[in-house]
Amino acid sequence: MIMIAMFPGTPFPLWAIASGLSGFLLVWFGRYQLIENFLKILIGLMFVSIIGSAIVIVANAGTMEYGVTPSVPEGSFFQILGILGGVGASITLTSYSYWIYAKGWRDKRWIPIMRLDVAAAYAITGLFAISVMIIAAELLFGTGMTISGNQGLVGLADAYGERFGTVARWVFLIGILGAVFTSIVGPWHGMSYLFADIVRIVKPVLDHFPTNVAIII
């Protein structure tokens, strides 16, 4: 949906297939350093675009006041639990052990850097989440609009563009595209390490089984 918002009139299946193939080719042929550098670029785009957009919103908010008191909409408890378990706390932490090995951080002297690395990652994730909430609060509060999924993000980008212009809308969409594509490449790359490790562990065990039993398994 993000690409359709950038290029209206283009078919959704085209971008869905292109995104999948791009992620597949990067993971299949790309070495770790290439993937890391590519993700750094996407994260940089996210940081400048989304957090920059939030700063623009706050600077032009007028009388709008923001609070940090949490509230849970009725009937959304299980959705919140799903988000807590799915954002930066599940497969990414599993993949991180493989990424640090590929990077060459293989002994105790790297532990302080790992701690700093993880802390910085969660800090950026938190800033990103707060920025999206500020943008949504400013653009949607009192309008009766709600957002859901990628289509909702496109609607948010359109509202942002109406307020600050076409260039601002494009900047926001580029940031969202970076966020979406990191969610494709990162987990796929981490899962490939995990799958290869499972095969490495399981294969010697299966080799000790009789041929007919191994085939059944």
Protein backbone atom coordinates (compact mmCIF):
# COMPACT_ATOMS: atom_id res chain seq x y z
CA MET A 1 0.00 0.00 0.00
CA ILE A 2 2.90 2.37 0.64
CA MET A 3 4.16 2.05 -2.94
CA ILE A 4 0.64 2.52 -4.30
CA ALA A 5 0.40 5.74 -2.29
CA MET A 6 3.69 6.86 -3.87
CA PHE A 7 2.69 5.77 -7.37
CA PRO A 8 -1.13 5.91 -7.66
CA GLY A 9 -2.72 3.62 -10.21
CA THR A 10 -0.06 0.91 -10.05
CA PRO A 11 -1.31 -2.61 -9.19
CA PHE A 12 -0.88 -3.91 -5.66
CA PRO A 13 0.25 -7.45 -6.76
CA LEU A 14 3.16 -5.86 -8.67
CA TRP A 15 4.58 -4.21 -5.55
CA ALA A 16 3.83 -7.23 -3.35
CA ILE A 17 5.78 -9.52 -5.71
CA ALA A 18 8.59 -6.97 -6.15
CA SER A 19 8.97 -6.56 -2.39
CA GLY A 20 9.05 -10.30 -1.81
CA LEU A 21 11.58 -10.91 -4.59
CA SER A 22 13.79 -8.04 -3.42
CA GLY A 23 13.83 -9.39 0.12
CA PHE A 24 14.52 -12.91 -1.12
CA LEU A 25 17.43 -11.86 -3.35
CA LEU A 26 19.01 -9.77 -0.61
CA VAL A 27 18.83 -12.61 1.89
CA TRP A 28 19.88 -15.32 -0.58
CA PHE A 29 22.87 -13.56 -2.14
CA GLY A 30 23.73 -10.86 0.38
CA ARG A 31 26.46 -11.44 2.94
CA TYR A 32 25.94 -10.18 6.47
CA GLN A 33 27.86 -6.92 5.94
CA LEU A 34 25.73 -6.03 2.91
CA ILE A 35 22.52 -6.69 4.84
CA GLU A 36 23.76 -4.66 7.81
CA ASN A 37 24.72 -1.67 5.67
CA PHE A 38 21.41 -1.83 3.79
CA LEU A 39 19.41 -1.92 7.01
CA LYS A 40 21.45 1.00 8.39
CA ILE A 41 20.34 3.07 5.40
CA LEU A 42 16.68 2.12 5.93
CA ILE A 43 16.88 2.85 9.67
CA GLY A 44 18.48 6.21 8.90
CA LEU A 45 15.61 7.02 6.55
CA MET A 46 13.11 5.99 9.23
CA PHE A 47 14.83 8.09 11.87
CA VAL A 48 15.08 11.26 9.79
CA SER A 49 11.62 10.92 8.24
CA ILE A 50 9.39 9.81 11.11
CA ILE A 51 11.12 11.53 14.02
CA GLY A 52 11.66 14.60 11.83
CA SER A 53 7.95 14.60 10.99
CA ALA A 54 7.08 14.43 14.68
CA ILE A 55 9.38 17.37 15.40
CA VAL A 56 7.66 19.38 12.66
CA ILE A 57 4.29 18.45 14.17
CA VAL A 58 5.30 19.54 17.67
CA ALA A 59 6.84 22.77 16.38
CA ASN A 60 3.58 23.63 14.61
CA ALA A 61 1.17 22.18 17.18
CA GLY A 62 -0.03 25.52 18.51
CA THR A 63 -2.11 24.90 21.62
CA MET A 64 -2.03 21.10 21.44
CA GLU A 65 -0.68 19.55 24.63
CA TYR A 66 0.73 16.04 24.85
CA GLY A 67 0.64 13.79 27.88
CA VAL A 68 2.27 10.49 28.72
CA THR A 69 -0.54 8.93 30.78
CA PRO A 70 -1.21 5.49 29.25
CA SER A 71 -4.72 4.31 28.48
CA VAL A 72 -6.07 1.05 27.07
CA PRO A 73 -9.05 1.22 24.70
CA GLU A 74 -11.85 -1.15 25.63
CA GLY A 75 -11.46 -4.60 24.10
CA SER A 76 -7.85 -4.09 22.96
CA PHE A 77 -6.01 -5.92 25.76
CA PHE A 78 -5.06 -8.99 23.71
CA GLN A 79 -4.02 -6.82 20.75
CA ILE A 80 -1.65 -4.94 23.04
CA LEU A 81 -0.19 -8.23 24.30
CA GLY A 82 0.37 -9.29 20.70
CA ILE A 83 2.17 -6.04 19.89
CA LEU A 84 4.35 -6.31 22.99
CA GLY A 85 5.42 -9.81 21.99
CA GLY A 86 5.91 -9.01 18.32
CA VAL A 87 7.87 -5.76 18.29
CA GLY A 88 11.56 -6.08 19.09
CA ALA A 89 11.18 -8.87 21.62
CA SER A 90 10.72 -12.14 19.77
CA ILE A 91 12.41 -13.26 16.56
CA THR A 92 14.73 -10.23 16.49
CA LEU A 93 16.35 -11.21 19.80
CA THR A 94 16.71 -14.79 18.56
CA SER A 95 18.34 -13.54 15.37
CA TYR A 96 20.65 -11.17 17.26
CA SER A 97 22.79 -14.03 18.56
CA TYR A 98 23.50 -15.07 14.97
CA TRP A 99 24.13 -11.51 13.79
CA ILE A 100 26.72 -10.78 16.49
CA TYR A 101 28.50 -14.03 15.58
CA ALA A 102 28.52 -13.05 11.90
CA LYS A 103 29.84 -9.63 12.85
CA GLY A 104 32.74 -11.21 14.72
CA TRP A 105 31.72 -10.36 18.30
CA ARG A 106 32.69 -13.74 19.73
CA ASP A 107 34.21 -13.24 23.18
CA LYS A 108 33.62 -11.42 26.47
CA ARG A 109 35.32 -8.20 25.46
CA TRP A 110 32.40 -7.45 23.12
CA ILE A 111 29.72 -7.69 25.85
CA PRO A 112 29.77 -3.94 26.74
CA ILE A 113 29.36 -3.05 23.06
CA MET A 114 26.49 -5.55 22.75
CA ARG A 115 24.74 -3.93 25.71
CA LEU A 116 25.18 -0.50 24.17
CA ASP A 117 24.01 -1.82 20.81
CA VAL A 118 20.80 -3.32 22.23
CA ALA A 119 20.13 -0.24 24.39
CA ALA A 120 20.50 2.05 21.38
CA ALA A 121 18.20 -0.18 19.31
CA TYR A 122 15.44 -0.09 21.93
CA ALA A 123 15.88 3.66 22.41
CA ILE A 124 15.46 4.28 18.67
CA THR A 125 12.45 1.94 18.60
CA GLY A 126 10.90 3.86 21.50
CA LEU A 127 11.52 7.23 19.83
CA PHE A 128 10.01 5.88 16.61
CA ALA A 129 6.87 4.66 18.41
CA ILE A 130 6.45 7.94 20.32
CA SER A 131 6.90 9.92 17.09
CA VAL A 132 4.18 7.91 15.29
CA MET A 133 1.82 8.46 18.25
CA ILE A 134 2.50 12.22 18.21
CA ILE A 135 1.83 12.39 14.47
CA ALA A 136 -1.36 10.34 14.80
CA ALA A 137 -2.59 12.35 17.80
CA GLU A 138 -2.09 15.66 16.02
CA LEU A 139 -3.59 14.61 12.69
CA LEU A 140 -6.42 12.36 13.88
CA PHE A 141 -7.51 13.73 17.27
CA GLY A 142 -11.02 15.12 17.02
CA THR A 143 -11.47 14.13 13.37
CA GLY A 144 -13.27 10.84 14.00
CA MET A 145 -10.73 9.03 11.80
CA THR A 146 -9.04 5.79 12.85
CA ILE A 147 -6.06 4.03 11.29
CA SER A 148 -5.48 0.32 10.81
CA GLY A 149 -2.64 -1.51 9.07
CA ASN A 150 -0.76 -0.20 6.04
CA GLN A 151 -3.88 1.44 4.62
CA GLY A 152 -4.14 3.44 7.83
CA LEU A 153 -0.53 4.57 7.49
CA VAL A 154 -1.26 5.75 3.96
CA GLY A 155 -4.24 7.72 5.29
CA LEU A 156 -1.98 9.23 7.93
CA ALA A 157 0.55 10.21 5.25
CA ASP A 158 -2.24 11.83 3.21
CA ALA A 159 -3.39 13.83 6.23
CA TYR A 160 0.20 14.87 6.90
CA GLY A 161 0.59 15.95 3.27
CA GLU A 162 -2.57 18.04 3.41
CA ARG A 163 -1.13 19.89 6.41
CA PHE A 164 2.48 20.36 5.31
CA GLY A 165 2.56 19.77 1.56
CA THR A 166 3.49 17.14 -1.03
CA VAL A 167 7.20 17.03 -0.20
CA ALA A 168 6.42 16.37 3.48
CA ARG A 169 4.03 13.57 2.46
CA TRP A 170 6.78 11.92 0.37
CA VAL A 171 9.29 12.20 3.19
CA PHE A 172 6.83 10.54 5.56
CA LEU A 173 6.03 7.75 3.08
CA ILE A 174 9.75 7.06 2.51
CA GLY A 175 10.18 6.63 6.27
CA ILE A 176 7.24 4.24 6.45
CA LEU A 177 8.65 2.31 3.47
CA GLY A 178 11.94 1.96 5.32
CA ALA A 179 10.12 0.61 8.37
CA VAL A 180 8.14 -1.91 6.32
CA PHE A 181 11.14 -3.17 4.33
CA THR A 182 13.29 -3.63 7.43
CA SER A 183 10.48 -5.85 8.71
CA ILE A 184 10.89 -7.99 5.59
CA VAL A 185 14.67 -8.24 5.29
CA GLY A 186 15.59 -8.42 9.00
CA PRO A 187 13.40 -11.38 10.04
CA TRP A 188 13.98 -13.26 6.79
CA HIS A 189 17.73 -12.94 7.21
CA GLY A 190 17.62 -13.96 10.87
CA MET A 191 15.33 -16.91 10.16
CA SER A 192 17.73 -18.20 7.50
CA TYR A 193 20.45 -18.44 10.18
CA LEU A 194 18.01 -20.14 12.54
CA PHE A 195 16.90 -22.65 9.90
CA ALA A 196 20.49 -23.48 8.97
CA ASP A 197 21.34 -24.00 12.64
CA ILE A 198 18.36 -26.33 13.11
CA VAL A 199 19.47 -28.38 10.09
CA ARG A 200 23.05 -28.50 11.48
CA ILE A 201 21.78 -29.87 14.81
CA VAL A 202 19.11 -32.25 13.51
CA LYS A 203 20.95 -33.74 10.53
CA PRO A 204 23.56 -35.73 12.56
CA VAL A 205 20.74 -37.14 14.69
CA LEU A 206 18.80 -38.27 11.64
CA ASP A 207 21.94 -39.82 10.16
CA HIS A 208 21.97 -42.32 13.05
CA PHE A 209 18.43 -43.51 12.32
CA PRO A 210 17.71 -46.36 9.91
CA THR A 211 16.96 -45.08 6.44
CA ASN A 212 13.26 -45.98 6.53
CA VAL A 213 12.76 -44.27 9.91
CA ALA A 214 14.59 -41.13 8.80
CA ILE A 215 12.36 -40.88 5.73
CA ILE A 216 9.23 -41.06 7.90
CA ILE A 217 10.55 -38.29 10.16
